[in-house]
N, C-alpha and C. Protein backbone atom coordinates (compact mmCIF):
# COMPACT_ATOMS: atom_id res chain seq x y z
N MET A 1 -18.89 -8.35 6.96
CA MET A 1 -17.78 -9.03 7.75
C MET A 1 -18.32 -10.05 8.57
N THR A 2 -17.86 -11.21 8.53
CA THR A 2 -18.21 -12.40 9.16
C THR A 2 -17.94 -12.33 10.65
N SER A 3 -18.87 -12.73 11.56
CA SER A 3 -18.63 -12.81 12.93
C SER A 3 -18.50 -14.21 13.47
N ILE A 4 -17.45 -14.46 14.30
CA ILE A 4 -17.26 -15.73 14.89
C ILE A 4 -17.13 -15.59 16.42
N THR A 5 -17.92 -16.48 17.00
CA THR A 5 -17.77 -16.51 18.55
C THR A 5 -16.57 -17.24 18.97
N ALA A 6 -15.94 -16.77 20.18
CA ALA A 6 -14.74 -17.33 20.54
C ALA A 6 -15.07 -18.83 20.94
N ASN A 7 -16.24 -19.29 21.19
CA ASN A 7 -16.57 -20.66 21.39
C ASN A 7 -16.40 -21.48 20.15
N ASP A 8 -17.02 -20.88 19.04
CA ASP A 8 -16.87 -21.54 17.68
C ASP A 8 -15.36 -21.77 17.32
N LEU A 9 -14.68 -20.65 17.66
CA LEU A 9 -13.17 -20.77 17.29
C LEU A 9 -12.51 -21.89 18.13
N LYS A 10 -12.91 -21.96 19.32
CA LYS A 10 -12.33 -22.97 20.09
C LYS A 10 -12.81 -24.34 19.74
N THR A 11 -14.07 -24.62 19.49
CA THR A 11 -14.43 -25.89 19.06
C THR A 11 -14.13 -26.30 17.58
N LYS A 12 -14.08 -25.35 16.72
CA LYS A 12 -13.98 -25.58 15.28
C LYS A 12 -12.57 -25.37 14.75
N GLY A 13 -11.86 -24.58 15.49
CA GLY A 13 -10.41 -24.23 15.13
C GLY A 13 -10.34 -23.36 13.97
N VAL A 14 -9.21 -23.51 13.27
CA VAL A 14 -8.81 -22.62 12.17
C VAL A 14 -9.87 -22.81 11.01
N SER A 15 -10.40 -23.89 10.79
CA SER A 15 -11.38 -24.09 9.70
C SER A 15 -12.49 -23.03 9.62
N VAL A 16 -12.92 -22.63 10.81
CA VAL A 16 -13.99 -21.57 10.97
C VAL A 16 -13.48 -20.20 10.46
N LEU A 17 -12.11 -19.98 10.79
CA LEU A 17 -11.52 -18.80 10.25
C LEU A 17 -11.44 -18.81 8.67
N GLU A 18 -10.79 -19.97 8.24
CA GLU A 18 -10.78 -20.01 6.64
C GLU A 18 -12.02 -19.81 5.99
N SER A 19 -13.17 -20.38 6.58
CA SER A 19 -14.35 -20.30 5.88
C SER A 19 -14.84 -18.76 5.93
N ALA A 20 -14.70 -18.15 7.04
CA ALA A 20 -15.01 -16.71 7.21
C ALA A 20 -14.34 -15.80 6.28
N LEU A 21 -12.93 -16.02 6.21
CA LEU A 21 -12.12 -15.25 5.32
C LEU A 21 -12.36 -15.51 3.88
N GLN A 22 -12.73 -16.66 3.44
CA GLN A 22 -13.14 -16.90 2.06
C GLN A 22 -14.51 -16.13 1.73
N GLN A 23 -15.38 -15.97 2.58
CA GLN A 23 -16.56 -15.27 2.47
C GLN A 23 -16.39 -13.77 2.26
N SER A 24 -15.67 -13.09 3.20
CA SER A 24 -15.57 -11.62 3.17
C SER A 24 -14.07 -11.13 3.27
N GLY A 25 -13.19 -11.88 3.55
CA GLY A 25 -11.79 -11.43 3.59
C GLY A 25 -11.38 -10.97 4.98
N GLU A 26 -12.29 -10.92 5.93
CA GLU A 26 -12.04 -10.52 7.22
C GLU A 26 -13.16 -11.12 8.22
N ALA A 27 -12.74 -11.30 9.49
CA ALA A 27 -13.68 -11.80 10.31
C ALA A 27 -13.56 -11.12 11.77
N VAL A 28 -14.64 -11.06 12.42
CA VAL A 28 -14.58 -10.45 13.75
C VAL A 28 -14.87 -11.61 14.82
N ILE A 29 -14.13 -11.76 15.78
CA ILE A 29 -14.31 -12.71 16.78
C ILE A 29 -14.79 -11.92 18.06
N THR A 30 -16.01 -12.50 18.46
CA THR A 30 -16.70 -12.01 19.59
C THR A 30 -16.46 -12.78 20.79
N VAL A 31 -16.31 -12.10 21.94
CA VAL A 31 -16.16 -12.88 23.23
C VAL A 31 -17.29 -12.32 24.05
N ARG A 32 -18.15 -13.25 24.60
CA ARG A 32 -19.32 -12.96 25.37
C ARG A 32 -20.04 -11.81 24.81
N GLY A 33 -20.27 -11.89 23.40
CA GLY A 33 -21.11 -10.97 22.74
C GLY A 33 -20.61 -9.63 22.25
N GLU A 34 -19.17 -9.43 22.71
CA GLU A 34 -18.59 -8.13 22.50
C GLU A 34 -17.51 -8.36 21.40
N ARG A 35 -17.45 -7.49 20.36
CA ARG A 35 -16.58 -7.61 19.30
C ARG A 35 -15.14 -7.35 19.93
N LYS A 36 -14.16 -8.28 19.86
CA LYS A 36 -12.94 -8.08 20.46
C LYS A 36 -11.77 -8.15 19.53
N TYR A 37 -11.78 -8.94 18.42
CA TYR A 37 -10.64 -9.04 17.54
C TYR A 37 -11.12 -9.09 16.07
N VAL A 38 -10.13 -8.70 15.23
CA VAL A 38 -10.44 -8.77 13.88
C VAL A 38 -9.32 -9.58 13.22
N VAL A 39 -9.69 -10.64 12.36
CA VAL A 39 -8.67 -11.43 11.71
C VAL A 39 -8.77 -11.17 10.14
N LEU A 40 -7.51 -10.88 9.62
CA LEU A 40 -7.40 -10.59 8.25
C LEU A 40 -6.57 -11.69 7.57
N ASP A 41 -6.69 -11.91 6.14
CA ASP A 41 -5.72 -12.78 5.58
C ASP A 41 -4.33 -11.79 5.48
N PHE A 42 -3.39 -12.53 5.34
CA PHE A 42 -2.02 -11.84 5.44
C PHE A 42 -1.70 -10.80 4.38
N SER A 43 -2.22 -10.98 3.19
CA SER A 43 -2.04 -10.04 2.03
C SER A 43 -2.93 -8.70 2.52
N THR A 44 -4.04 -8.93 3.04
CA THR A 44 -4.76 -7.55 3.40
C THR A 44 -4.08 -6.92 4.44
N TYR A 45 -3.63 -7.63 5.52
CA TYR A 45 -2.76 -6.98 6.60
C TYR A 45 -1.62 -6.28 6.00
N ASN A 46 -0.89 -6.96 5.09
CA ASN A 46 0.26 -6.20 4.50
C ASN A 46 -0.11 -4.89 3.79
N LYS A 47 -1.17 -4.95 3.05
CA LYS A 47 -1.72 -3.79 2.41
C LYS A 47 -1.94 -2.65 3.45
N LEU A 48 -2.61 -3.01 4.52
CA LEU A 48 -3.04 -2.05 5.58
C LEU A 48 -1.71 -1.49 6.26
N ARG A 49 -0.74 -2.31 6.37
CA ARG A 49 0.54 -1.82 6.90
C ARG A 49 1.29 -0.83 6.04
N GLU A 50 1.22 -1.24 4.84
CA GLU A 50 1.91 -0.41 3.71
C GLU A 50 1.13 0.93 3.68
N TYR A 51 -0.20 1.10 3.77
CA TYR A 51 -0.95 2.34 3.78
C TYR A 51 -0.45 3.07 5.07
N GLU A 52 -0.40 2.45 6.12
CA GLU A 52 0.00 3.11 7.35
C GLU A 52 1.35 3.73 7.35
N LEU A 53 2.32 2.96 6.61
CA LEU A 53 3.62 3.39 6.55
C LEU A 53 3.84 4.61 5.48
N ASP A 54 2.88 4.47 4.44
CA ASP A 54 2.80 5.57 3.46
C ASP A 54 2.43 6.88 4.15
N ILE A 55 1.34 6.76 4.86
CA ILE A 55 0.88 8.00 5.68
C ILE A 55 1.97 8.46 6.56
N ALA A 56 2.56 7.74 7.31
CA ALA A 56 3.72 8.13 8.27
C ALA A 56 4.88 8.91 7.47
N LEU A 57 5.13 8.32 6.32
CA LEU A 57 6.11 9.00 5.44
C LEU A 57 5.75 10.40 4.93
N ARG A 58 4.42 10.45 4.53
CA ARG A 58 3.85 11.68 4.09
C ARG A 58 3.92 12.72 5.29
N GLU A 59 3.57 12.23 6.42
CA GLU A 59 3.46 13.23 7.60
C GLU A 59 4.89 13.75 7.88
N ALA A 60 5.78 12.73 7.83
CA ALA A 60 7.24 13.13 8.11
C ALA A 60 7.78 14.16 7.04
N ARG A 61 7.38 13.90 5.83
CA ARG A 61 7.82 14.89 4.81
C ARG A 61 7.12 16.23 4.93
N ASP A 62 5.86 16.22 5.23
CA ASP A 62 5.23 17.51 5.62
C ASP A 62 5.74 18.21 6.78
N ASP A 63 6.20 17.49 7.80
CA ASP A 63 6.95 18.05 8.93
C ASP A 63 8.17 18.78 8.53
N ILE A 64 8.89 18.05 7.72
CA ILE A 64 10.25 18.64 7.21
C ILE A 64 9.97 19.78 6.40
N ALA A 65 9.03 19.75 5.47
CA ALA A 65 8.66 20.99 4.56
C ALA A 65 8.20 22.11 5.38
N ASN A 66 7.54 21.86 6.58
CA ASN A 66 7.03 23.03 7.35
C ASN A 66 8.02 23.39 8.36
N GLY A 67 9.15 22.71 8.47
CA GLY A 67 10.15 23.12 9.53
C GLY A 67 9.86 22.60 10.90
N ASN A 68 8.90 21.58 10.96
CA ASN A 68 8.48 21.19 12.24
C ASN A 68 9.43 20.06 12.63
N TYR A 69 10.69 20.40 12.99
CA TYR A 69 11.60 19.27 13.42
C TYR A 69 12.77 19.98 14.28
N LYS A 70 13.61 19.24 14.87
CA LYS A 70 14.58 19.61 15.52
C LYS A 70 15.95 18.97 15.06
N THR A 71 17.13 19.64 15.18
CA THR A 71 18.39 19.07 14.90
C THR A 71 19.19 19.21 16.19
N GLU A 72 19.55 17.99 16.64
CA GLU A 72 20.14 17.94 17.90
C GLU A 72 21.18 16.58 17.96
N SER A 73 21.93 16.65 18.90
CA SER A 73 22.72 15.35 19.13
C SER A 73 21.87 14.34 19.81
N VAL A 74 22.51 13.12 19.91
CA VAL A 74 21.77 12.04 20.56
C VAL A 74 21.55 12.35 22.06
N ASP A 75 22.52 12.94 22.66
CA ASP A 75 22.61 13.24 24.16
C ASP A 75 21.43 14.31 24.38
N GLU A 76 21.50 15.28 23.47
CA GLU A 76 20.43 16.31 23.62
C GLU A 76 19.04 15.78 23.41
N HIS A 77 18.89 14.96 22.53
CA HIS A 77 17.58 14.34 22.20
C HIS A 77 17.11 13.47 23.49
N MET A 78 18.13 12.55 24.03
CA MET A 78 17.78 11.87 25.13
C MET A 78 17.36 12.73 26.31
N GLU A 79 18.16 13.80 26.53
CA GLU A 79 17.79 14.73 27.54
C GLU A 79 16.34 15.29 27.42
N ARG A 80 16.06 15.66 26.22
CA ARG A 80 14.69 16.22 25.97
C ARG A 80 13.64 15.22 26.11
N VAL A 81 13.84 14.01 25.66
CA VAL A 81 12.79 12.97 25.89
C VAL A 81 12.67 12.45 27.29
N LEU A 82 13.75 12.21 27.84
CA LEU A 82 13.75 11.70 29.37
C LEU A 82 13.58 12.72 30.38
N GLY A 83 13.88 13.99 29.96
CA GLY A 83 13.63 15.12 30.76
C GLY A 83 14.50 15.16 31.91
C-alpha cells in the first residue's frame, strides 16, 4: 500500500493519488506522520460495499432462522427504540 503525505497531496494534487492507485490499488494518506485516510479506486470500494451488504444480509437471515427478531407495529417499535 502506497503512503502519501497530506502535504504531497496538497502540493501535487490528484496526480499523486492516480500514481499511487496504479501501483497498488489503494493509498494511505498520512497527516503529521499518522495514518489517517485510505483512498481506493471506485470499483474496489464498490466490491467492499457489496461484501459488507452480503454479510449484513447473511446475518439478518441467520437472525430470522434463529428466531432472533420481534414482530411489532411501528408505534410499538418507536416506543421500544426511543424508550
